[in-house]
């Protein structure tokens, strides 16, 4: 008999019985390149009272990104910074930093941001940039992580929420969710199940980071 877990099956670490709730709303600046499903998950978590936060701005780099439509539908201001119009990554990141500061952002969330970030952005928001990646880091860094997992014939993969540092898909891990790889999985089916867990753990990790940030501000 073959075990067939449903789409909600996963192992999440760390396990949290109740999310930490920050005393005052934290301002999230979200960067997205595509569909915006992780943006939607964050916005829904705020609406449901899981995170005490606001999203003053979403920055997107592709003119046709659905993320911008999702944000506009929720009344979130959107800013297009098309990377094709910048000769250097650092110049783009300078504009991103300027925009985030304009909206007085506390935490930066890379929610499907398909661009490498530079020290310009990292130094402006040290330990305050969060990324979601579709693998159990440190395995399968970089692009095509789902395809890498299938090629390696692993039986378990998942997703990781981590703080961003200069090395790609590195930095301290905030939360992970393990997802079984099924014998007949394709990149599309496996990615779809991983995304379900991304939408689950990203808001939780943001809540943890927000609570830590506010605690550090109180102690400093």
Protein backbone atom coordinates (compact mmCIF):
# COMPACT_ATOMS: atom_id res chain seq x y z
CA UNK A 1 0.00 0.00 0.00
CA UNK A 2 1.48 3.35 -1.06
CA UNK A 3 1.28 6.29 1.33
CA UNK A 4 -0.36 9.28 -0.41
CA UNK A 5 -0.24 12.36 1.79
CA UNK A 6 -2.70 15.10 1.03
CA UNK A 7 -1.63 18.62 0.08
CA UNK A 8 -1.58 19.78 3.69
CA UNK A 9 0.90 17.12 4.84
CA UNK A 10 4.20 18.52 6.08
CA UNK A 11 6.55 18.72 9.03
CA UNK A 12 7.12 22.30 10.20
CA UNK A 13 10.07 23.35 12.35
CA UNK A 14 10.08 25.05 14.74
CA UNK A 15 6.63 23.99 15.85
CA UNK A 16 4.73 26.94 17.32
CA UNK A 17 1.52 26.47 19.28
CA UNK A 18 0.70 30.18 19.20
CA UNK A 19 2.20 32.95 17.11
CA UNK A 20 4.03 35.76 18.91
CA UNK A 21 2.04 38.96 18.55
CA UNK A 22 3.89 42.28 18.39
CA UNK A 23 2.50 45.16 20.43
CA UNK A 24 2.47 47.70 17.61
CA UNK A 25 1.94 47.15 13.87
CA UNK A 26 5.12 46.36 11.96
CA UNK A 27 5.49 47.81 8.46
CA UNK A 28 6.31 45.30 5.74
CA UNK A 29 7.81 46.22 2.42
CA UNK A 30 7.20 43.36 0.00
CA UNK A 31 9.22 42.67 -3.15
CA UNK A 32 7.67 40.36 -5.75
CA UNK A 33 8.30 39.43 -9.37
CA UNK A 34 5.43 37.20 -10.41
CA UNK A 35 2.09 35.76 -9.35
CA UNK A 36 2.08 37.21 -5.85
CA UNK A 37 0.60 34.22 -4.03
CA UNK A 38 2.97 34.70 -1.10
CA UNK A 39 1.95 38.36 -0.92
CA UNK A 40 -1.66 37.19 -0.78
CA UNK A 41 -0.83 34.76 2.05
CA UNK A 42 0.81 37.54 4.06
CA UNK A 43 -2.06 39.96 3.46
CA UNK A 44 -4.57 37.28 4.46
CA UNK A 45 -2.63 36.52 7.64
CA UNK A 46 -2.77 40.20 8.56
CA UNK A 47 -6.49 40.31 7.81
CA UNK A 48 -7.04 37.21 9.97
CA UNK A 49 -5.16 38.77 12.88
CA UNK A 50 -2.23 36.35 12.75
CA UNK A 51 0.28 39.18 12.29
CA UNK A 52 0.05 42.68 13.68
CA UNK A 53 1.37 44.34 10.55
CA UNK A 54 0.73 46.72 7.68
CA UNK A 55 1.87 46.57 4.05
CA UNK A 56 2.46 50.16 2.95
CA UNK A 57 4.11 49.19 -0.35
CA UNK A 58 4.74 46.37 -2.79
CA UNK A 59 7.67 46.77 -5.18
CA UNK A 60 7.64 44.71 -8.37
CA UNK A 61 10.10 44.47 -11.25
CA UNK A 62 8.04 42.92 -14.05
CA UNK A 63 5.39 45.19 -15.63
CA UNK A 64 2.93 42.32 -16.01
CA UNK A 65 3.37 40.85 -12.53
CA UNK A 66 0.08 39.64 -11.08
CA UNK A 67 1.45 40.55 -7.65
CA UNK A 68 0.83 44.22 -8.46
CA UNK A 69 -2.81 43.49 -9.29
CA UNK A 70 -3.27 41.54 -6.08
CA UNK A 71 -1.78 44.42 -4.09
CA UNK A 72 -3.88 47.06 -5.81
CA UNK A 73 -7.01 45.01 -5.15
CA UNK A 74 -6.17 45.16 -1.44
CA UNK A 75 -5.47 48.88 -1.47
CA UNK A 76 -1.70 48.48 -1.16
CA UNK A 77 0.41 51.01 -3.01
CA UNK A 78 2.59 49.52 -5.75
CA UNK A 79 5.85 50.74 -7.24
CA UNK A 80 7.29 49.36 -10.48
CA UNK A 81 11.09 49.28 -10.56
CA UNK A 82 11.84 47.51 -13.82
CA UNK A 83 15.31 45.96 -13.47
CA UNK A 84 15.81 46.22 -17.22
CA UNK A 85 16.08 49.97 -16.87
CA UNK A 86 19.09 49.76 -14.53
CA UNK A 87 22.59 48.96 -15.75
CA UNK A 88 23.80 47.73 -12.36
CA UNK A 89 22.14 45.69 -9.63
CA UNK A 90 23.48 48.17 -7.10
CA UNK A 91 21.69 51.03 -8.82
CA UNK A 92 18.41 49.13 -8.71
CA UNK A 93 18.92 48.32 -5.05
CA UNK A 94 19.63 51.99 -4.29
CA UNK A 95 16.22 52.85 -5.74
CA UNK A 96 14.62 50.01 -3.78
CA UNK A 97 16.17 51.28 -0.53
CA UNK A 98 14.99 54.81 -1.27
CA UNK A 99 11.46 53.58 -1.90
CA UNK A 100 11.36 51.39 1.22
CA UNK A 101 12.60 54.28 3.36
CA UNK A 102 9.99 56.55 1.82
CA UNK A 103 7.35 54.19 3.21
CA UNK A 104 9.14 53.82 6.56
CA UNK A 105 9.41 50.03 6.25
CA UNK A 106 10.55 47.90 9.21
CA UNK A 107 10.93 44.48 7.55
CA UNK A 108 11.61 43.65 3.89
CA UNK A 109 10.00 40.50 2.52
CA UNK A 110 11.29 38.87 -0.67
CA UNK A 111 8.09 37.08 -1.68
CA UNK A 112 9.06 35.57 -5.01
CA UNK A 113 11.59 38.30 -5.80
CA UNK A 114 13.58 36.79 -8.68
CA UNK A 115 16.56 39.11 -8.47
CA UNK A 116 19.85 38.79 -6.63
CA UNK A 117 20.18 41.46 -3.96
CA UNK A 118 23.40 43.33 -3.28
CA UNK A 119 25.11 44.72 -0.20
CA UNK A 120 23.37 48.04 -0.91
CA UNK A 121 20.02 46.59 0.15
CA UNK A 122 21.39 44.21 2.79
CA UNK A 123 23.41 46.93 4.56
CA UNK A 124 20.41 49.27 4.57
CA UNK A 125 18.24 46.68 6.36
CA UNK A 126 20.63 44.41 8.30
CA UNK A 127 18.92 41.27 9.63
CA UNK A 128 15.61 42.71 8.46
CA UNK A 129 15.27 41.07 5.03
CA UNK A 130 13.36 37.79 4.83
CA UNK A 131 13.33 35.37 1.90
CA UNK A 132 11.28 32.26 1.09
CA UNK A 133 13.00 29.50 -0.91
CA UNK A 134 11.46 26.24 -2.24
CA UNK A 135 13.90 23.76 -0.71
CA UNK A 136 15.20 22.65 2.65
CA UNK A 137 18.28 24.82 2.75
CA UNK A 138 21.21 24.42 2.62
CA UNK A 139 20.19 21.88 -0.05
CA UNK A 140 19.34 23.04 -3.58
CA UNK A 141 20.23 26.71 -3.51
CA UNK A 142 19.61 29.02 -6.45
CA UNK A 143 17.09 28.76 -9.24
CA UNK A 144 15.19 25.60 -10.23
CA UNK A 145 15.34 24.24 -6.67
CA UNK A 146 12.33 21.98 -7.26
CA UNK A 147 13.87 20.52 -10.40
CA UNK A 148 17.16 20.03 -8.54
CA UNK A 149 15.36 18.04 -5.84
CA UNK A 150 13.71 15.78 -8.42
CA UNK A 151 16.96 15.23 -10.29
CA UNK A 152 18.68 14.29 -7.03
CA UNK A 153 15.89 11.76 -6.35
CA UNK A 154 15.44 12.91 -2.75
CA UNK A 155 12.36 11.65 -0.94
CA UNK A 156 11.86 14.80 1.13
CA UNK A 157 12.18 18.46 0.18
CA UNK A 158 10.25 21.54 1.29
CA UNK A 159 10.68 25.25 1.82
CA UNK A 160 12.77 27.55 4.01
CA UNK A 161 12.21 31.05 5.37
CA UNK A 162 15.51 32.72 6.22
CA UNK A 163 17.19 36.04 6.82
CA UNK A 164 19.06 37.31 3.78
CA UNK A 165 22.82 37.70 3.60
CA UNK A 166 25.12 38.34 0.65
CA UNK A 167 25.59 34.63 -0.15
CA UNK A 168 22.67 33.36 -2.22
CA UNK A 169 19.98 31.46 -0.27
CA UNK A 170 21.96 31.54 2.94
CA UNK A 171 21.57 33.36 6.23
CA UNK A 172 19.96 32.27 9.52
CA UNK A 173 16.96 29.98 9.09
CA UNK A 174 13.70 31.13 10.71
CA UNK A 175 11.39 28.26 9.75
CA UNK A 176 11.20 25.23 7.47
CA UNK A 177 8.50 22.90 6.25
CA UNK A 178 9.37 19.42 4.96
CA UNK A 179 7.30 18.01 2.09
CA UNK A 180 7.48 14.40 0.81
CA UNK A 181 8.41 13.81 -2.80
CA UNK A 182 6.02 11.35 -4.45
CA UNK A 183 7.17 8.78 -7.03
CA UNK A 184 5.11 10.34 -9.82
CA UNK A 185 5.85 13.98 -8.98
CA UNK A 186 6.59 16.48 -11.71
CA UNK A 187 8.12 19.92 -11.12
CA UNK A 188 4.60 21.37 -11.33
CA UNK A 189 2.93 18.99 -8.85
CA UNK A 190 5.78 19.14 -6.34
CA UNK A 191 6.04 22.92 -6.54
CA UNK A 192 2.29 23.24 -5.99
CA UNK A 193 2.50 21.25 -2.75
CA UNK A 194 5.57 23.18 -1.59
CA UNK A 195 3.74 26.45 -2.23
CA UNK A 196 0.94 25.42 0.10
CA UNK A 197 3.52 25.18 2.86
CA UNK A 198 5.19 28.44 1.81
CA UNK A 199 1.89 30.21 2.38
CA UNK A 200 1.71 28.56 5.79
CA UNK A 201 5.21 29.21 7.17
CA UNK A 202 6.03 32.61 5.67
CA UNK A 203 3.45 34.52 7.78
CA UNK A 204 4.55 32.57 10.87
CA UNK A 205 8.21 33.42 10.26
CA UNK A 206 7.33 37.09 9.73
CA UNK A 207 5.51 37.09 13.07
CA UNK A 208 8.61 35.64 14.76
CA UNK A 209 10.91 38.19 13.09
CA UNK A 210 8.58 41.09 13.92
CA UNK A 211 8.42 40.08 17.56
CA UNK A 212 12.22 39.72 17.72
CA UNK A 213 12.75 43.08 16.05
CA UNK A 214 10.44 44.90 18.45
CA UNK A 215 12.02 43.16 21.46
CA UNK A 216 15.47 44.25 20.29
CA UNK A 217 14.26 47.83 19.81
CA UNK A 218 12.88 47.87 23.36
CA UNK A 219 16.12 46.51 24.79
CA UNK A 220 18.40 48.83 22.78
